[in-house]
Amino acid sequence: MKLKDGFVTREMYGEHLMVSTDGAFNGLVRSNAAAAFIVECLAEETTEQEIVQKMLAKYDAPAEILEEDVKKILNTLRDVDALEE
């Protein structure tokens, strides 16, 4: 899976933002640093488990918590049709 080409991510004034440039989603997605890291992982083709492994390397948190966070963010991205799967 990966982030669709029509979505752009930026950090502005300490906030992580994502918008659709092709009209697939009318709105703005704001996220925290962990969610932004997950979105960055999706710049290239990856799997959910690979994202969890990258999160484990970056964050000092239990695997179960990170797995839940990754699932939640991926579901949010699916809701706005931002993923190619």
PDB file of N, CA and C in Angstrom:
ATOM      1  N   MET A   1       0.845  -1.170   0.000  1.00  0.00           N
ATOM      2  CA  MET A   1       0.000   0.000   0.000  1.00  0.00           C
ATOM      3  C   MET A   1       0.891   1.234   0.000  1.00  0.00           C
ATOM      4  N   LYS A   2       0.327   2.345  -0.463  1.00  0.00           N
ATOM      5  CA  LYS A   2       1.035   3.619  -0.416  1.00  0.00           C
ATOM      6  C   LYS A   2       0.031   4.755  -0.508  1.00  0.00           C
ATOM      7  N   LEU A   3       0.487   5.950  -0.198  1.00  0.00           N
ATOM      8  CA  LEU A   3      -0.351   7.143  -0.281  1.00  0.00           C
ATOM      9  C   LEU A   3      -0.603   7.458  -1.749  1.00  0.00           C
ATOM     10  N   LYS A   4      -1.850   7.759  -2.098  1.00  0.00           N
ATOM     11  CA  LYS A   4      -2.178   8.103  -3.482  1.00  0.00           C
ATOM     12  C   LYS A   4      -1.456   9.377  -3.899  1.00  0.00           C
ATOM     13  N   ASP A   5      -1.173   9.486  -5.190  1.00  0.00           N
ATOM     14  CA  ASP A   5      -0.446  10.631  -5.729  1.00  0.00           C
ATOM     15  C   ASP A   5      -1.178  11.950  -5.518  1.00  0.00           C
ATOM     16  N   GLY A   6      -2.487  11.943  -5.446  1.00  0.00           N
ATOM     17  CA  GLY A   6      -3.250  13.182  -5.331  1.00  0.00           C
ATOM     18  C   GLY A   6      -3.259  13.809  -3.952  1.00  0.00           C
ATOM     19  N   PHE A   7      -2.476  13.279  -3.028  1.00  0.00           N
ATOM     20  CA  PHE A   7      -2.434  13.814  -1.671  1.00  0.00           C
ATOM     21  C   PHE A   7      -1.063  14.413  -1.382  1.00  0.00           C
ATOM     22  N   VAL A   8      -1.077  15.586  -0.783  1.00  0.00           N
ATOM     23  CA  VAL A   8       0.144  16.309  -0.452  1.00  0.00           C
ATOM     24  C   VAL A   8       0.208  16.487   1.058  1.00  0.00           C
ATOM     25  N   THR A   9       1.375  16.277   1.618  1.00  0.00           N
ATOM     26  CA  THR A   9       1.566  16.464   3.055  1.00  0.00           C
ATOM     27  C   THR A   9       2.586  17.576   3.282  1.00  0.00           C
ATOM     28  N   ARG A  10       2.360  18.325   4.327  1.00  0.00           N
ATOM     29  CA  ARG A  10       3.252  19.430   4.695  1.00  0.00           C
ATOM     30  C   ARG A  10       3.241  19.608   6.203  1.00  0.00           C
ATOM     31  N   GLU A  11       4.342  20.142   6.700  1.00  0.00           N
ATOM     32  CA  GLU A  11       4.387  20.581   8.088  1.00  0.00           C
ATOM     33  C   GLU A  11       4.413  22.101   8.058  1.00  0.00           C
ATOM     34  N   MET A  12       3.450  22.714   8.748  1.00  0.00           N
ATOM     35  CA  MET A  12       3.361  24.167   8.796  1.00  0.00           C
ATOM     36  C   MET A  12       3.130  24.605  10.234  1.00  0.00           C
ATOM     37  N   TYR A  13       4.007  25.435  10.717  1.00  0.00           N
ATOM     38  CA  TYR A  13       3.864  25.991  12.064  1.00  0.00           C
ATOM     39  C   TYR A  13       3.698  24.891  13.116  1.00  0.00           C
ATOM     40  N   GLY A  14       4.423  23.792  12.937  1.00  0.00           N
ATOM     41  CA  GLY A  14       4.387  22.709  13.902  1.00  0.00           C
ATOM     42  C   GLY A  14       3.227  21.739  13.735  1.00  0.00           C
ATOM     43  N   GLU A  15       2.357  21.981  12.754  1.00  0.00           N
ATOM     44  CA  GLU A  15       1.238  21.073  12.497  1.00  0.00           C
ATOM     45  C   GLU A  15       1.520  20.272  11.233  1.00  0.00           C
ATOM     46  N   HIS A  16       1.086  19.027  11.244  1.00  0.00           N
ATOM     47  CA  HIS A  16       1.231  18.167  10.077  1.00  0.00           C
ATOM     48  C   HIS A  16      -0.113  18.143   9.358  1.00  0.00           C
ATOM     49  N   LEU A  17      -0.093  18.493   8.068  1.00  0.00           N
ATOM     50  CA  LEU A  17      -1.325  18.627   7.292  1.00  0.00           C
ATOM     51  C   LEU A  17      -1.265  17.767   6.038  1.00  0.00           C
ATOM     52  N   MET A  18      -2.433  17.313   5.599  1.00  0.00           N
ATOM     53  CA  MET A  18      -2.543  16.573   4.353  1.00  0.00           C
ATOM     54  C   MET A  18      -3.787  17.065   3.621  1.00  0.00           C
ATOM     55  N   VAL A  19      -3.642  17.333   2.331  1.00  0.00           N
ATOM     56  CA  VAL A  19      -4.768  17.766   1.508  1.00  0.00           C
ATOM     57  C   VAL A  19      -4.756  16.986   0.201  1.00  0.00           C
ATOM     58  N   SER A  20      -5.915  16.932  -0.431  1.00  0.00           N
ATOM     59  CA  SER A  20      -6.044  16.310  -1.736  1.00  0.00           C
ATOM     60  C   SER A  20      -5.903  17.385  -2.802  1.00  0.00           C
ATOM     61  N   THR A  21      -5.086  17.113  -3.801  1.00  0.00           N
ATOM     62  CA  THR A  21      -4.910  18.071  -4.893  1.00  0.00           C
ATOM     63  C   THR A  21      -5.775  17.739  -6.098  1.00  0.00           C
ATOM     64  N   ASP A  22      -6.418  16.578  -6.080  1.00  0.00           N
ATOM     65  CA  ASP A  22      -7.232  16.176  -7.228  1.00  0.00           C
ATOM     66  C   ASP A  22      -8.726  16.134  -6.924  1.00  0.00           C
ATOM     67  N   GLY A  23      -9.117  16.667  -5.781  1.00  0.00           N
ATOM     68  CA  GLY A  23     -10.530  16.729  -5.427  1.00  0.00           C
ATOM     69  C   GLY A  23     -11.116  15.436  -4.897  1.00  0.00           C
ATOM     70  N   ALA A  24     -10.264  14.431  -4.659  1.00  0.00           N
ATOM     71  CA  ALA A  24     -10.761  13.150  -4.147  1.00  0.00           C
ATOM     72  C   ALA A  24     -11.340  13.303  -2.742  1.00  0.00           C
ATOM     73  N   PHE A  25     -10.828  14.259  -2.027  1.00  0.00           N
ATOM     74  CA  PHE A  25     -11.269  14.502  -0.657  1.00  0.00           C
ATOM     75  C   PHE A  25     -11.314  16.012  -0.457  1.00  0.00           C
ATOM     76  N   ASN A  26     -12.449  16.518  -0.046  1.00  0.00           N
ATOM     77  CA  ASN A  26     -12.574  17.956   0.201  1.00  0.00           C
ATOM     78  C   ASN A  26     -12.405  18.210   1.682  1.00  0.00           C
ATOM     79  N   GLY A  27     -11.217  18.595   2.052  1.00  0.00           N
ATOM     80  CA  GLY A  27     -10.956  18.855   3.452  1.00  0.00           C
ATOM     81  C   GLY A  27      -9.472  18.846   3.729  1.00  0.00           C
ATOM     82  N   LEU A  28      -9.177  18.903   4.994  1.00  0.00           N
ATOM     83  CA  LEU A  28      -7.806  18.969   5.478  1.00  0.00           C
ATOM     84  C   LEU A  28      -7.662  17.947   6.586  1.00  0.00           C
ATOM     85  N   VAL A  29      -6.606  17.150   6.532  1.00  0.00           N
ATOM     86  CA  VAL A  29      -6.350  16.173   7.574  1.00  0.00           C
ATOM     87  C   VAL A  29      -5.182  16.687   8.404  1.00  0.00           C
ATOM     88  N   ARG A  30      -5.428  16.910   9.692  1.00  0.00           N
ATOM     89  CA  ARG A  30      -4.377  17.331  10.620  1.00  0.00           C
ATOM     90  C   ARG A  30      -3.940  16.107  11.410  1.00  0.00           C
ATOM     91  N   SER A  31      -2.653  16.049  11.706  1.00  0.00           N
ATOM     92  CA  SER A  31      -2.171  14.887  12.443  1.00  0.00           C
ATOM     93  C   SER A  31      -1.047  15.248  13.389  1.00  0.00           C
ATOM     94  N   ASN A  32      -0.812  14.348  14.335  1.00  0.00           N
ATOM     95  CA  ASN A  32       0.307  14.522  15.254  1.00  0.00           C
ATOM     96  C   ASN A  32       1.571  13.959  14.604  1.00  0.00           C
ATOM     97  N   ALA A  33       2.684  14.032  15.308  1.00  0.00           N
ATOM     98  CA  ALA A  33       3.960  13.603  14.742  1.00  0.00           C
ATOM     99  C   ALA A  33       3.978  12.106  14.413  1.00  0.00           C
ATOM    100  N   ALA A  34       3.369  11.286  15.242  1.00  0.00           N
ATOM    101  CA  ALA A  34       3.352   9.844  14.984  1.00  0.00           C
ATOM    102  C   ALA A  34       2.543   9.523  13.736  1.00  0.00           C
ATOM    103  N   ALA A  35       1.385  10.147  13.584  1.00  0.00           N
ATOM    104  CA  ALA A  35       0.568   9.932  12.387  1.00  0.00           C
ATOM    105  C   ALA A  35       1.293  10.440  11.147  1.00  0.00           C
ATOM    106  N   ALA A  36       1.984  11.570  11.274  1.00  0.00           N
ATOM    107  CA  ALA A  36       2.747  12.110  10.154  1.00  0.00           C
ATOM    108  C   ALA A  36       3.867  11.145   9.758  1.00  0.00           C
ATOM    109  N   PHE A  37       4.480  10.489  10.735  1.00  0.00           N
ATOM    110  CA  PHE A  37       5.517   9.504  10.450  1.00  0.00           C
ATOM    111  C   PHE A  37       4.935   8.341   9.647  1.00  0.00           C
ATOM    112  N   ILE A  38       3.745   7.893  10.019  1.00  0.00           N
ATOM    113  CA  ILE A  38       3.079   6.809   9.292  1.00  0.00           C
ATOM    114  C   ILE A  38       2.807   7.239   7.855  1.00  0.00           C
ATOM    115  N   VAL A  39       2.309   8.452   7.680  1.00  0.00           N
ATOM    116  CA  VAL A  39       2.041   8.965   6.326  1.00  0.00           C
ATOM    117  C   VAL A  39       3.342   9.040   5.525  1.00  0.00           C
ATOM    118  N   GLU A  40       4.428   9.463   6.160  1.00  0.00           N
ATOM    119  CA  GLU A  40       5.724   9.510   5.474  1.00  0.00           C
ATOM    120  C   GLU A  40       6.154   8.124   5.023  1.00  0.00           C
ATOM    121  N   CYS A  41       5.891   7.116   5.839  1.00  0.00           N
ATOM    122  CA  CYS A  41       6.218   5.733   5.464  1.00  0.00           C
ATOM    123  C   CYS A  41       5.467   5.321   4.203  1.00  0.00           C
ATOM    124  N   LEU A  42       4.306   5.916   3.990  1.00  0.00           N
ATOM    125  CA  LEU A  42       3.462   5.562   2.851  1.00  0.00           C
ATOM    126  C   LEU A  42       3.863   6.271   1.561  1.00  0.00           C
ATOM    127  N   ALA A  43       4.955   7.028   1.596  1.00  0.00           N
ATOM    128  CA  ALA A  43       5.447   7.673   0.378  1.00  0.00           C
ATOM    129  C   ALA A  43       5.915   6.612  -0.622  1.00  0.00           C
ATOM    130  N   GLU A  44       6.338   5.467  -0.106  1.00  0.00           N
ATOM    131  CA  GLU A  44       6.758   4.338  -0.927  1.00  0.00           C
ATOM    132  C   GLU A  44       5.891   3.136  -0.585  1.00  0.00           C
ATOM    133  N   GLU A  45       5.830   2.194  -1.498  1.00  0.00           N
ATOM    134  CA  GLU A  45       5.064   0.963  -1.274  1.00  0.00           C
ATOM    135  C   GLU A  45       5.554   0.297   0.008  1.00  0.00           C
ATOM    136  N   THR A  46       4.634  -0.041   0.896  1.00  0.00           N
ATOM    137  CA  THR A  46       4.981  -0.655   2.176  1.00  0.00           C
ATOM    138  C   THR A  46       3.819  -1.503   2.669  1.00  0.00           C
ATOM    139  N   THR A  47       4.048  -2.207   3.758  1.00  0.00           N
ATOM    140  CA  THR A  47       2.983  -2.995   4.377  1.00  0.00           C
ATOM    141  C   THR A  47       2.718  -2.443   5.766  1.00  0.00           C
ATOM    142  N   GLU A  48       1.601  -2.833   6.328  1.00  0.00           N
ATOM    143  CA  GLU A  48       1.262  -2.415   7.687  1.00  0.00           C
ATOM    144  C   GLU A  48       2.328  -2.875   8.673  1.00  0.00           C
ATOM    145  N   GLN A  49       2.800  -4.103   8.510  1.00  0.00           N
ATOM    146  CA  GLN A  49       3.806  -4.635   9.424  1.00  0.00           C
ATOM    147  C   GLN A  49       5.133  -3.900   9.290  1.00  0.00           C
ATOM    148  N   GLU A  50       5.502  -3.500   8.078  1.00  0.00           N
ATOM    149  CA  GLU A  50       6.738  -2.726   7.896  1.00  0.00           C
ATOM    150  C   GLU A  50       6.635  -1.366   8.595  1.00  0.00           C
ATOM    151  N   ILE A  51       5.463  -0.755   8.539  1.00  0.00           N
ATOM    152  CA  ILE A  51       5.267   0.522   9.228  1.00  0.00           C
ATOM    153  C   ILE A  51       5.402   0.328  10.736  1.00  0.00           C
ATOM    154  N   VAL A  52       4.802  -0.736  11.257  1.00  0.00           N
ATOM    155  CA  VAL A  52       4.911  -1.028  12.695  1.00  0.00           C
ATOM    156  C   VAL A  52       6.382  -1.211  13.075  1.00  0.00           C
ATOM    157  N   GLN A  53       7.144  -1.915  12.266  1.00  0.00           N
ATOM    158  CA  GLN A  53       8.562  -2.128  12.561  1.00  0.00           C
ATOM    159  C   GLN A  53       9.332  -0.808  12.577  1.00  0.00           C
ATOM    160  N   LYS A  54       9.028   0.076  11.648  1.00  0.00           N
ATOM    161  CA  LYS A  54       9.672   1.397  11.621  1.00  0.00           C
ATOM    162  C   LYS A  54       9.276   2.217  12.852  1.00  0.00           C
ATOM    163  N   MET A  55       8.021   2.087  13.261  1.00  0.00           N
ATOM    164  CA  MET A  55       7.550   2.788  14.460  1.00  0.00           C
ATOM    165  C   MET A  55       8.279   2.265  15.697  1.00  0.00           C
ATOM    166  N   LEU A  56       8.459   0.947  15.785  1.00  0.00           N
ATOM    167  CA  LEU A  56       9.170   0.352  16.919  1.00  0.00           C
ATOM    168  C   LEU A  56      10.603   0.859  16.993  1.00  0.00           C
ATOM    169  N   ALA A  57      11.227   1.074  15.837  1.00  0.00           N
ATOM    170  CA  ALA A  57      12.605   1.571  15.809  1.00  0.00           C
ATOM    171  C   ALA A  57      12.681   3.040  16.230  1.00  0.00           C
ATOM    172  N   LYS A  58      11.620   3.791  15.972  1.00  0.00           N
ATOM    173  CA  LYS A  58      11.630   5.226  16.250  1.00  0.00           C
ATOM    174  C   LYS A  58      11.088   5.589  17.637  1.00  0.00           C
ATOM    175  N   TYR A  59      10.045   4.898  18.073  1.00  0.00           N
ATOM    176  CA  TYR A  59       9.352   5.272  19.302  1.00  0.00           C
ATOM    177  C   TYR A  59       9.542   4.224  20.395  1.00  0.00           C
ATOM    178  N   ASP A  60       9.643   4.687  21.622  1.00  0.00           N
ATOM    179  CA  ASP A  60       9.757   3.815  22.777  1.00  0.00           C
ATOM    180  C   ASP A  60       8.347   3.551  23.307  1.00  0.00           C
ATOM    181  N   ALA A  61       7.683   2.588  22.669  1.00  0.00           N
ATOM    182  CA  ALA A  61       6.308   2.249  23.040  1.00  0.00           C
ATOM    183  C   ALA A  61       6.098   0.756  22.798  1.00  0.00           C
ATOM    184  N   PRO A  62       5.158   0.156  23.517  1.00  0.00           N
ATOM    185  CA  PRO A  62       4.868  -1.265  23.314  1.00  0.00           C
ATOM    186  C   PRO A  62       4.345  -1.532  21.899  1.00  0.00           C
ATOM    187  N   ALA A  63       4.715  -2.683  21.358  1.00  0.00           N
ATOM    188  CA  ALA A  63       4.307  -3.056  20.005  1.00  0.00           C
ATOM    189  C   ALA A  63       2.789  -3.040  19.847  1.00  0.00           C
ATOM    190  N   GLU A  64       2.057  -3.482  20.870  1.00  0.00           N
ATOM    191  CA  GLU A  64       0.597  -3.545  20.776  1.00  0.00           C
ATOM    192  C   GLU A  64      -0.011  -2.152  20.579  1.00  0.00           C
ATOM    193  N   ILE A  65       0.546  -1.180  21.273  1.00  0.00           N
ATOM    194  CA  ILE A  65       0.040   0.197  21.162  1.00  0.00           C
ATOM    195  C   ILE A  65       0.333   0.741  19.769  1.00  0.00           C
ATOM    196  N   LEU A  66       1.563   0.514  19.296  1.00  0.00           N
ATOM    197  CA  LEU A  66       1.929   1.008  17.967  1.00  0.00           C
ATOM    198  C   LEU A  66       1.105   0.326  16.879  1.00  0.00           C
ATOM    199  N   GLU A  67       0.839  -0.967  17.018  1.00  0.00           N
ATOM    200  CA  GLU A  67       0.001  -1.682  16.053  1.00  0.00           C
ATOM    201  C   GLU A  67      -1.393  -1.068  15.999  1.00  0.00           C
ATOM    202  N   GLU A  68      -1.957  -0.758  17.163  1.00  0.00           N
ATOM    203  CA  GLU A  68      -3.280  -0.122  17.208  1.00  0.00           C
ATOM    204  C   GLU A  68      -3.254   1.251  16.557  1.00  0.00           C
ATOM    205  N   ASP A  69      -2.202   2.023  16.840  1.00  0.00           N
ATOM    206  CA  ASP A  69      -2.079   3.356  16.239  1.00  0.00           C
ATOM    207  C   ASP A  69      -1.984   3.281  14.726  1.00  0.00           C
ATOM    208  N   VAL A  70      -1.182   2.358  14.224  1.00  0.00           N
ATOM    209  CA  VAL A  70      -1.025   2.207  12.773  1.00  0.00           C
ATOM    210  C   VAL A  70      -2.364   1.817  12.147  1.00  0.00           C
ATOM    211  N   LYS A  71      -3.068   0.867  12.738  1.00  0.00           N
ATOM    212  CA  LYS A  71      -4.382   0.461  12.216  1.00  0.00           C
ATOM    213  C   LYS A  71      -5.348   1.653  12.182  1.00  0.00           C
ATOM    214  N   LYS A  72      -5.359   2.432  13.247  1.00  0.00           N
ATOM    215  CA  LYS A  72      -6.267   3.575  13.334  1.00  0.00           C
ATOM    216  C   LYS A  72      -5.956   4.602  12.239  1.00  0.00           C
ATOM    217  N   ILE A  73      -4.694   4.934  12.066  1.00  0.00           N
ATOM    218  CA  ILE A  73      -4.316   5.918  11.052  1.00  0.00           C
ATOM    219  C   ILE A  73      -4.608   5.379   9.653  1.00  0.00           C
ATOM    220  N   LEU A  74      -4.291   4.121   9.403  1.00  0.00           N
ATOM    221  CA  LEU A  74      -4.577   3.542   8.082  1.00  0.00           C
ATOM    222  C   LEU A  74      -6.073   3.548   7.799  1.00  0.00           C
ATOM    223  N   ASN A  75      -6.892   3.267   8.793  1.00  0.00           N
ATOM    224  CA  ASN A  75      -8.341   3.310   8.598  1.00  0.00           C
ATOM    225  C   ASN A  75      -8.825   4.724   8.298  1.00  0.00           C
ATOM    226  N   THR A  76      -8.240   5.719   8.966  1.00  0.00           N
ATOM    227  CA  THR A  76      -8.583   7.114   8.683  1.00  0.00           C
ATOM    228  C   THR A  76      -8.217   7.459   7.245  1.00  0.00           C
ATOM    229  N   LEU A  77      -7.044   7.021   6.804  1.00  0.00           N
ATOM    230  CA  LEU A  77      -6.627   7.281   5.422  1.00  0.00           C
ATOM    231  C   LEU A  77      -7.527   6.553   4.421  1.00  0.00           C
ATOM    232  N   ARG A  78      -7.972   5.377   4.778  1.00  0.00           N
ATOM    233  CA  ARG A  78      -8.932   4.665   3.907  1.00  0.00           C
ATOM    234  C   ARG A  78     -10.250   5.430   3.824  1.00  0.00           C
ATOM    235  N   ASP A  79     -10.684   5.988   4.943  1.00  0.00           N
ATOM    236  CA  ASP A  79     -11.948   6.729   4.983  1.00  0.00           C
ATOM    237  C   ASP A  79     -11.935   7.929   4.023  1.00  0.00           C
ATOM    238  N   VAL A  80     -10.761   8.540   3.836  1.00  0.00           N
ATOM    239  CA  VAL A  80     -10.668   9.699   2.928  1.00  0.00           C
ATOM    240  C   VAL A  80     -10.132   9.270   1.549  1.00  0.00           C
ATOM    241  N   ASP A  81     -10.076   7.963   1.324  1.00  0.00           N
ATOM    242  CA  ASP A  81      -9.637   7.393   0.046  1.00  0.00           C
ATOM    243  C   ASP A  81      -8.240   7.868  -0.338  1.00  0.00           C
ATOM    244  N   ALA A  82      -7.325   7.840   0.624  1.00  0.00           N
ATOM    245  CA  ALA A  82      -5.962   8.310   0.402  1.00  0.00           C
ATOM    246  C   ALA A  82      -4.958   7.186   0.153  1.00  0.00           C
ATOM    247  N   LEU A  83      -5.395   5.933   0.237  1.00  0.00           N
ATOM    248  CA  LEU A  83      -4.468   4.813   0.078  1.00  0.00           C
ATOM    249  C   LEU A  83      -4.667   4.064  -1.226  1.00  0.00           C
ATOM    250  N   GLU A  84      -3.559   3.675  -1.828  1.00  0.00           N
ATOM    251  CA  GLU A  84      -3.568   2.707  -2.923  1.00  0.00           C
ATOM    252  C   GLU A  84      -3.246   1.363  -2.289  1.00  0.00           C
ATOM    253  N   GLU A  85      -4.151   0.409  -2.447  1.00  0.00           N
ATOM    254  CA  GLU A  85      -3.903  -0.899  -1.834  1.00  0.00           C
ATOM    255  C   GLU A  85      -3.952  -1.985  -2.878  1.00  0.00           C
TER     256      GLU A  85
END
